């Protein structure tokens, strides 16, 4: 299993969600509003600073089977990208186990 964490621009969320829902057997997602900042380098190679470096972003979390992870990552890359600074990042992490609280199912059956 994999956990895919994407930090994206808020205005791309609805477009991304619509595309993810088109993936057969898509397991679902969790969304939260976050704030943060990353490296910002100007054209001369100098680090840039601002008075309020924190930018509003959306964090999308998806736990899925290994076989679907690459399709989901590609969908996020395609539909959350604007080509501008601050489009975000995608992280893919291994998941050791999952437990469905209601049914007690574990592993892939829980997702």
C-alpha atoms as a PDB file:
ATOM      1  CA  UNK A   1       0.000   0.000   0.000  1.00  0.00           C
ATOM      2  CA  UNK A   2       1.032   3.604  -0.562  1.00  0.00           C
ATOM      3  CA  UNK A   3       0.053   6.937   0.937  1.00  0.00           C
ATOM      4  CA  UNK A   4       0.085   9.760  -1.561  1.00  0.00           C
ATOM      5  CA  UNK A   5       0.269  13.230  -0.058  1.00  0.00           C
ATOM      6  CA  UNK A   6      -0.144  16.167  -2.407  1.00  0.00           C
ATOM      7  CA  UNK A   7       0.111  19.807  -1.385  1.00  0.00           C
ATOM      8  CA  UNK A   8      -1.600  21.817  -4.123  1.00  0.00           C
ATOM      9  CA  UNK A   9      -3.082  25.187  -4.992  1.00  0.00           C
ATOM     10  CA  UNK A  10      -6.630  25.456  -3.544  1.00  0.00           C
ATOM     11  CA  UNK A  11      -8.223  26.474  -6.859  1.00  0.00           C
ATOM     12  CA  UNK A  12      -7.079  23.210  -8.519  1.00  0.00           C
ATOM     13  CA  UNK A  13      -8.859  20.949  -6.002  1.00  0.00           C
ATOM     14  CA  UNK A  14     -12.258  20.660  -7.696  1.00  0.00           C
ATOM     15  CA  UNK A  15     -10.724  19.894 -11.098  1.00  0.00           C
ATOM     16  CA  UNK A  16      -8.393  17.329  -9.522  1.00  0.00           C
ATOM     17  CA  UNK A  17     -11.172  15.670  -7.526  1.00  0.00           C
ATOM     18  CA  UNK A  18     -13.326  15.287 -10.631  1.00  0.00           C
ATOM     19  CA  UNK A  19     -10.467  13.548 -12.454  1.00  0.00           C
ATOM     20  CA  UNK A  20      -9.598  11.281  -9.525  1.00  0.00           C
ATOM     21  CA  UNK A  21     -13.229  10.150  -9.250  1.00  0.00           C
ATOM     22  CA  UNK A  22     -13.003   8.938 -12.880  1.00  0.00           C
ATOM     23  CA  UNK A  23     -10.314   6.388 -11.941  1.00  0.00           C
ATOM     24  CA  UNK A  24     -11.917   2.948 -11.658  1.00  0.00           C
ATOM     25  CA  UNK A  25     -12.039   1.748  -8.003  1.00  0.00           C
ATOM     26  CA  UNK A  26     -10.570   5.022  -6.717  1.00  0.00           C
ATOM     27  CA  UNK A  27     -10.351   4.533  -2.921  1.00  0.00           C
ATOM     28  CA  UNK A  28     -11.205   8.098  -1.836  1.00  0.00           C
ATOM     29  CA  UNK A  29      -9.283  10.964  -0.318  1.00  0.00           C
ATOM     30  CA  UNK A  30      -8.904  13.224   2.673  1.00  0.00           C
ATOM     31  CA  UNK A  31      -8.500  16.990   2.221  1.00  0.00           C
ATOM     32  CA  UNK A  32      -7.345  19.678   4.620  1.00  0.00           C
ATOM     33  CA  UNK A  33      -6.458  23.362   4.399  1.00  0.00           C
ATOM     34  CA  UNK A  34      -2.799  24.047   5.245  1.00  0.00           C
ATOM     35  CA  UNK A  35      -0.314  26.919   5.062  1.00  0.00           C
ATOM     36  CA  UNK A  36       3.377  26.790   4.319  1.00  0.00           C
ATOM     37  CA  UNK A  37       6.258  27.838   2.122  1.00  0.00           C
ATOM     38  CA  UNK A  38       9.067  26.265   0.161  1.00  0.00           C
ATOM     39  CA  UNK A  39      12.285  27.372  -1.457  1.00  0.00           C
ATOM     40  CA  UNK A  40      11.923  30.463  -3.559  1.00  0.00           C
ATOM     41  CA  UNK A  41      14.905  31.416  -5.682  1.00  0.00           C
ATOM     42  CA  UNK A  42      15.017  34.425  -7.992  1.00  0.00           C
ATOM     43  CA  UNK A  43      16.559  34.348 -11.472  1.00  0.00           C
ATOM     44  CA  UNK A  44      20.006  35.369 -10.160  1.00  0.00           C
ATOM     45  CA  UNK A  45      20.066  32.376  -7.789  1.00  0.00           C
ATOM     46  CA  UNK A  46      19.413  34.333  -4.581  1.00  0.00           C
ATOM     47  CA  UNK A  47      16.921  33.136  -1.989  1.00  0.00           C
ATOM     48  CA  UNK A  48      13.877  35.427  -1.880  1.00  0.00           C
ATOM     49  CA  UNK A  49      12.037  36.416   1.276  1.00  0.00           C
ATOM     50  CA  UNK A  50       8.723  38.133   1.901  1.00  0.00           C
ATOM     51  CA  UNK A  51       6.902  39.617   4.885  1.00  0.00           C
ATOM     52  CA  UNK A  52       4.295  36.806   4.888  1.00  0.00           C
ATOM     53  CA  UNK A  53       5.916  33.685   3.454  1.00  0.00           C
ATOM     54  CA  UNK A  54       3.001  31.410   4.359  1.00  0.00           C
ATOM     55  CA  UNK A  55       0.759  30.607   1.426  1.00  0.00           C
ATOM     56  CA  UNK A  56      -2.628  28.873   1.588  1.00  0.00           C
ATOM     57  CA  UNK A  57      -2.537  25.359   0.154  1.00  0.00           C
ATOM     58  CA  UNK A  58      -4.658  22.215   0.210  1.00  0.00           C
ATOM     59  CA  UNK A  59      -3.270  18.894   1.440  1.00  0.00           C
ATOM     60  CA  UNK A  60      -4.741  15.833  -0.267  1.00  0.00           C
ATOM     61  CA  UNK A  61      -4.092  12.400   1.260  1.00  0.00           C
ATOM     62  CA  UNK A  62      -4.863   9.143  -0.538  1.00  0.00           C
ATOM     63  CA  UNK A  63      -4.091   5.612   0.630  1.00  0.00           C
ATOM     64  CA  UNK A  64      -4.168   3.078  -2.179  1.00  0.00           C
ATOM     65  CA  UNK A  65      -2.855  -0.251  -3.329  1.00  0.00           C
ATOM     66  CA  UNK A  66       0.552  -0.286  -4.992  1.00  0.00           C
ATOM     67  CA  UNK A  67      -0.965  -1.016  -8.405  1.00  0.00           C
ATOM     68  CA  UNK A  68      -2.974   2.234  -8.494  1.00  0.00           C
ATOM     69  CA  UNK A  69      -0.376   4.615  -7.007  1.00  0.00           C
ATOM     70  CA  UNK A  70       1.333   5.643 -10.248  1.00  0.00           C
ATOM     71  CA  UNK A  71      -1.985   6.369 -11.989  1.00  0.00           C
ATOM     72  CA  UNK A  72      -3.030   8.607  -9.096  1.00  0.00           C
ATOM     73  CA  UNK A  73       0.320  10.434  -9.041  1.00  0.00           C
ATOM     74  CA  UNK A  74       0.125  11.055 -12.800  1.00  0.00           C
ATOM     75  CA  UNK A  75      -3.441  12.352 -12.444  1.00  0.00           C
ATOM     76  CA  UNK A  76      -2.348  14.766  -9.712  1.00  0.00           C
ATOM     77  CA  UNK A  77       0.662  15.931 -11.757  1.00  0.00           C
ATOM     78  CA  UNK A  78      -1.530  16.598 -14.776  1.00  0.00           C
ATOM     79  CA  UNK A  79      -4.549  18.240 -13.136  1.00  0.00           C
ATOM     80  CA  UNK A  80      -2.974  20.218 -10.278  1.00  0.00           C
ATOM     81  CA  UNK A  81      -0.290  21.765 -12.466  1.00  0.00           C
ATOM     82  CA  UNK A  82      -0.582  25.370 -13.591  1.00  0.00           C
ATOM     83  CA  UNK A  83       3.054  25.814 -14.596  1.00  0.00           C
ATOM     84  CA  UNK A  84       3.499  28.613 -12.078  1.00  0.00           C
ATOM     85  CA  UNK A  85       5.641  28.843  -8.963  1.00  0.00           C
ATOM     86  CA  UNK A  86       3.900  27.263  -5.981  1.00  0.00           C
ATOM     87  CA  UNK A  87       2.041  24.450  -7.772  1.00  0.00           C
ATOM     88  CA  UNK A  88       2.998  22.168  -4.890  1.00  0.00           C
ATOM     89  CA  UNK A  89       4.553  18.783  -4.236  1.00  0.00           C
ATOM     90  CA  UNK A  90       3.604  15.106  -4.249  1.00  0.00           C
ATOM     91  CA  UNK A  91       5.010  12.628  -1.745  1.00  0.00           C
ATOM     92  CA  UNK A  92       4.581   8.853  -1.962  1.00  0.00           C
ATOM     93  CA  UNK A  93       5.129   6.862   1.238  1.00  0.00           C
ATOM     94  CA  UNK A  94       4.868   3.168   2.071  1.00  0.00           C
ATOM     95  CA  UNK A  95       1.959   2.177   4.320  1.00  0.00           C
ATOM     96  CA  UNK A  96       2.542  -0.747   6.648  1.00  0.00           C
ATOM     97  CA  UNK A  97      -1.098  -1.480   7.440  1.00  0.00           C
ATOM     98  CA  UNK A  98      -4.611  -0.055   7.386  1.00  0.00           C
ATOM     99  CA  UNK A  99      -7.587  -0.933   9.594  1.00  0.00           C
ATOM    100  CA  UNK A 100     -11.222  -0.186   8.764  1.00  0.00           C
ATOM    101  CA  UNK A 101     -12.700   0.751  12.135  1.00  0.00           C
ATOM    102  CA  UNK A 102     -16.311  -0.242  11.343  1.00  0.00           C
ATOM    103  CA  UNK A 103     -15.623  -3.707   9.905  1.00  0.00           C
ATOM    104  CA  UNK A 104     -12.236  -4.606  11.359  1.00  0.00           C
ATOM    105  CA  UNK A 105     -10.863  -5.322   7.865  1.00  0.00           C
ATOM    106  CA  UNK A 106      -7.120  -4.824   7.475  1.00  0.00           C
ATOM    107  CA  UNK A 107      -4.613  -4.262   4.687  1.00  0.00           C
ATOM    108  CA  UNK A 108      -5.895  -3.675   1.147  1.00  0.00           C
ATOM    109  CA  UNK A 109      -9.428  -4.723   2.175  1.00  0.00           C
ATOM    110  CA  UNK A 110      -9.527  -1.761   4.589  1.00  0.00           C
ATOM    111  CA  UNK A 111      -8.966   0.803   1.863  1.00  0.00           C
END
